[in-house]
Amino acid sequence: MADIFGVVADSTRREILRILLERYNQSSTAGGELSVSDIVDKLGLSQPTISKHLKVLREAGLVGVREAGQHRYYHLDYAPLEEIEDWLIPFLSVDFDATVGEIAEEAEGLKDEQRAFAAAIGKAFADTSFQMAHAVKDAKPRKWRKND
């Protein structure tokens, strides 16, 4: 499947696939086939460039070809695209916005917990400091005996 992602990474090849998909959706009798010259006309690129990209798509199994004399007619092959779809579905079913919101809520909750903990420590320190200050202040000095 990694090869398929490399193949569809090219924008020209994606455009060729899009054009073949449109043709498939428009015509049920022709099987969605387009000749190389039709693709060249639709994309406005040179015939050698289109042929090079069609060869890559054909080798990846994304398009099929039917030869009729000197003409070649291309159509989509859905099997590899279904593999990509099957791989992508788990990612598409995740609600990333909700996940980001949950993470933000957890982080905010952690901040609240940290603030509460810091406040508790500060209060304990202040109470202890207050008690120590009064204990020292109220302490009576002891008289020490000197041994002569």
Protein backbone atom coordinates (compact mmCIF):
# COMPACT_ATOMS: atom_id res chain seq x y z
CA MET A 1 0.00 0.00 0.00
CA ALA A 2 2.93 2.36 0.57
CA ASP A 3 3.56 2.37 -3.19
CA ILE A 4 -0.04 3.40 -3.84
CA PHE A 5 0.32 6.41 -1.54
CA GLY A 6 3.47 7.40 -3.41
CA VAL A 7 1.64 7.09 -6.70
CA VAL A 8 -1.35 9.21 -5.64
CA ALA A 9 0.94 11.79 -4.03
CA ASP A 10 1.49 13.30 -7.48
CA SER A 11 -1.14 15.94 -8.33
CA THR A 12 -1.21 15.10 -12.06
CA ARG A 13 -1.95 11.45 -11.31
CA ARG A 14 -4.69 12.48 -8.88
CA GLU A 15 -6.21 14.64 -11.64
CA ILE A 16 -6.11 11.70 -14.06
CA LEU A 17 -7.88 9.53 -11.46
CA ARG A 18 -10.45 12.30 -10.91
CA ILE A 19 -11.14 12.56 -14.66
CA LEU A 20 -11.53 8.78 -14.95
CA LEU A 21 -13.88 8.78 -11.96
CA GLU A 22 -15.99 11.53 -13.56
CA ARG A 23 -16.14 9.53 -16.78
CA TYR A 24 -17.18 6.43 -14.87
CA ASN A 25 -19.96 8.34 -13.08
CA GLN A 26 -21.20 9.88 -16.36
CA SER A 27 -21.31 6.77 -18.50
CA SER A 28 -22.44 3.29 -17.55
CA THR A 29 -22.18 1.85 -21.08
CA ALA A 30 -18.57 2.79 -21.87
CA GLY A 31 -17.30 1.46 -18.54
CA GLY A 32 -15.79 4.83 -17.73
CA GLU A 33 -13.06 4.55 -20.33
CA LEU A 34 -11.17 7.48 -21.77
CA SER A 35 -8.54 7.52 -24.47
CA VAL A 36 -5.13 9.03 -23.86
CA SER A 37 -5.99 11.89 -26.23
CA ASP A 38 -9.19 12.62 -24.23
CA ILE A 39 -7.14 12.86 -21.02
CA VAL A 40 -4.56 15.07 -22.78
CA ASP A 41 -7.36 17.40 -23.93
CA LYS A 42 -8.92 17.62 -20.46
CA LEU A 43 -5.64 18.32 -18.63
CA GLY A 44 -3.90 20.37 -21.29
CA LEU A 45 -0.62 18.51 -20.83
CA SER A 46 1.54 16.81 -23.45
CA GLN A 47 0.79 13.27 -24.59
CA PRO A 48 4.18 11.92 -23.40
CA THR A 49 3.59 13.41 -19.92
CA ILE A 50 0.13 11.85 -19.67
CA SER A 51 1.41 8.51 -20.97
CA LYS A 52 4.18 8.51 -18.37
CA HIS A 53 1.69 9.11 -15.55
CA LEU A 54 -0.74 6.53 -16.94
CA LYS A 55 2.07 3.97 -16.97
CA VAL A 56 2.77 4.63 -13.27
CA LEU A 57 -0.95 4.36 -12.46
CA ARG A 58 -1.23 1.14 -14.49
CA GLU A 59 1.81 -0.43 -12.77
CA ALA A 60 0.28 0.42 -9.39
CA GLY A 61 -2.95 -1.25 -10.45
CA LEU A 62 -4.99 1.93 -10.12
CA VAL A 63 -6.04 1.99 -13.78
CA GLY A 64 -6.67 -0.65 -16.40
CA VAL A 65 -6.16 -0.34 -20.12
CA ARG A 66 -7.95 -1.72 -23.18
CA GLU A 67 -6.14 -1.61 -26.50
CA ALA A 68 -8.09 -1.10 -29.71
CA GLY A 69 -5.76 -0.82 -32.67
CA GLN A 70 -3.40 2.07 -32.00
CA HIS A 71 -5.66 3.55 -29.31
CA ARG A 72 -5.57 2.84 -25.61
CA TYR A 73 -8.58 3.35 -23.38
CA TYR A 74 -8.07 3.72 -19.66
CA HIS A 75 -10.48 3.09 -16.77
CA LEU A 76 -10.27 3.09 -12.99
CA ASP A 77 -9.50 -0.10 -11.12
CA TYR A 78 -11.20 0.22 -7.73
CA ALA A 79 -9.50 -2.64 -5.85
CA PRO A 80 -6.40 -0.66 -4.73
CA LEU A 81 -8.55 2.38 -3.96
CA GLU A 82 -10.73 0.22 -1.71
CA GLU A 83 -7.57 -0.84 0.16
CA ILE A 84 -6.76 2.83 0.75
CA GLU A 85 -10.33 3.47 1.85
CA ASP A 86 -10.23 0.53 4.28
CA TRP A 87 -6.99 1.86 5.72
CA LEU A 88 -8.36 5.42 6.07
CA ILE A 89 -11.77 4.60 7.60
CA PRO A 90 -10.53 4.23 11.19
CA PHE A 91 -8.91 7.66 10.95
CA LEU A 92 -12.02 9.25 9.47
CA SER A 93 -14.28 7.84 12.18
CA VAL A 94 -12.29 9.51 14.96
CA ASP A 95 -13.81 12.77 16.15
CA PHE A 96 -10.56 14.73 16.34
CA ASP A 97 -12.32 17.90 17.50
CA ALA A 98 -13.78 16.04 20.48
CA THR A 99 -10.40 14.42 21.19
CA VAL A 100 -8.68 17.81 21.20
CA GLY A 101 -11.41 19.15 23.50
CA GLU A 102 -10.99 16.21 25.88
CA ILE A 103 -7.24 16.78 26.03
CA ALA A 104 -7.80 20.49 26.76
CA GLU A 105 -10.29 19.62 29.49
CA GLU A 106 -7.85 17.14 31.03
CA ALA A 107 -5.07 19.74 30.93
CA GLU A 108 -7.38 22.35 32.50
CA GLY A 109 -8.41 19.83 35.15
CA LEU A 110 -4.77 19.12 35.88
CA LYS A 111 -4.11 22.83 36.24
CA ASP A 112 -7.02 23.10 38.68
CA GLU A 113 -5.65 20.14 40.66
CA GLN A 114 -2.20 21.74 40.71
CA ARG A 115 -3.63 25.04 41.92
CA ALA A 116 -5.60 23.30 44.68
CA PHE A 117 -2.52 21.35 45.74
CA ALA A 118 -0.37 24.49 45.77
CA ALA A 119 -3.03 26.33 47.79
CA ALA A 120 -3.15 23.47 50.33
CA ILE A 121 0.64 23.49 50.67
CA GLY A 122 0.66 27.28 51.02
CA LYS A 123 -2.04 27.15 53.70
CA ALA A 124 -0.20 24.42 55.62
CA PHE A 125 3.04 26.41 55.42
CA ALA A 126 1.31 29.62 56.61
CA ASP A 127 -0.38 27.79 59.50
CA THR A 128 2.89 26.17 60.57
CA SER A 129 4.76 29.45 60.25
CA PHE A 130 2.14 31.23 62.35
CA GLN A 131 2.25 28.53 65.03
CA MET A 132 6.06 28.60 65.14
CA ALA A 133 6.14 32.39 65.39
CA HIS A 134 3.76 32.34 68.37
CA ALA A 135 5.58 29.46 70.02
CA VAL A 136 8.88 31.33 69.85
CA LYS A 137 7.31 34.59 71.00
CA ASP A 138 5.54 32.97 73.96
CA ALA A 139 8.54 30.95 75.01
CA LYS A 140 10.07 32.01 78.29
CA PRO A 141 13.77 32.10 78.45
CA ARG A 142 15.25 29.44 80.69
CA LYS A 143 17.72 30.25 83.21
CA TRP A 144 20.75 28.21 82.82
CA ARG A 145 22.80 27.28 85.75
CA LYS A 146 26.41 27.72 85.52
CA ASN A 147 28.57 25.25 87.25
CA ASP A 148 31.34 27.07 88.97
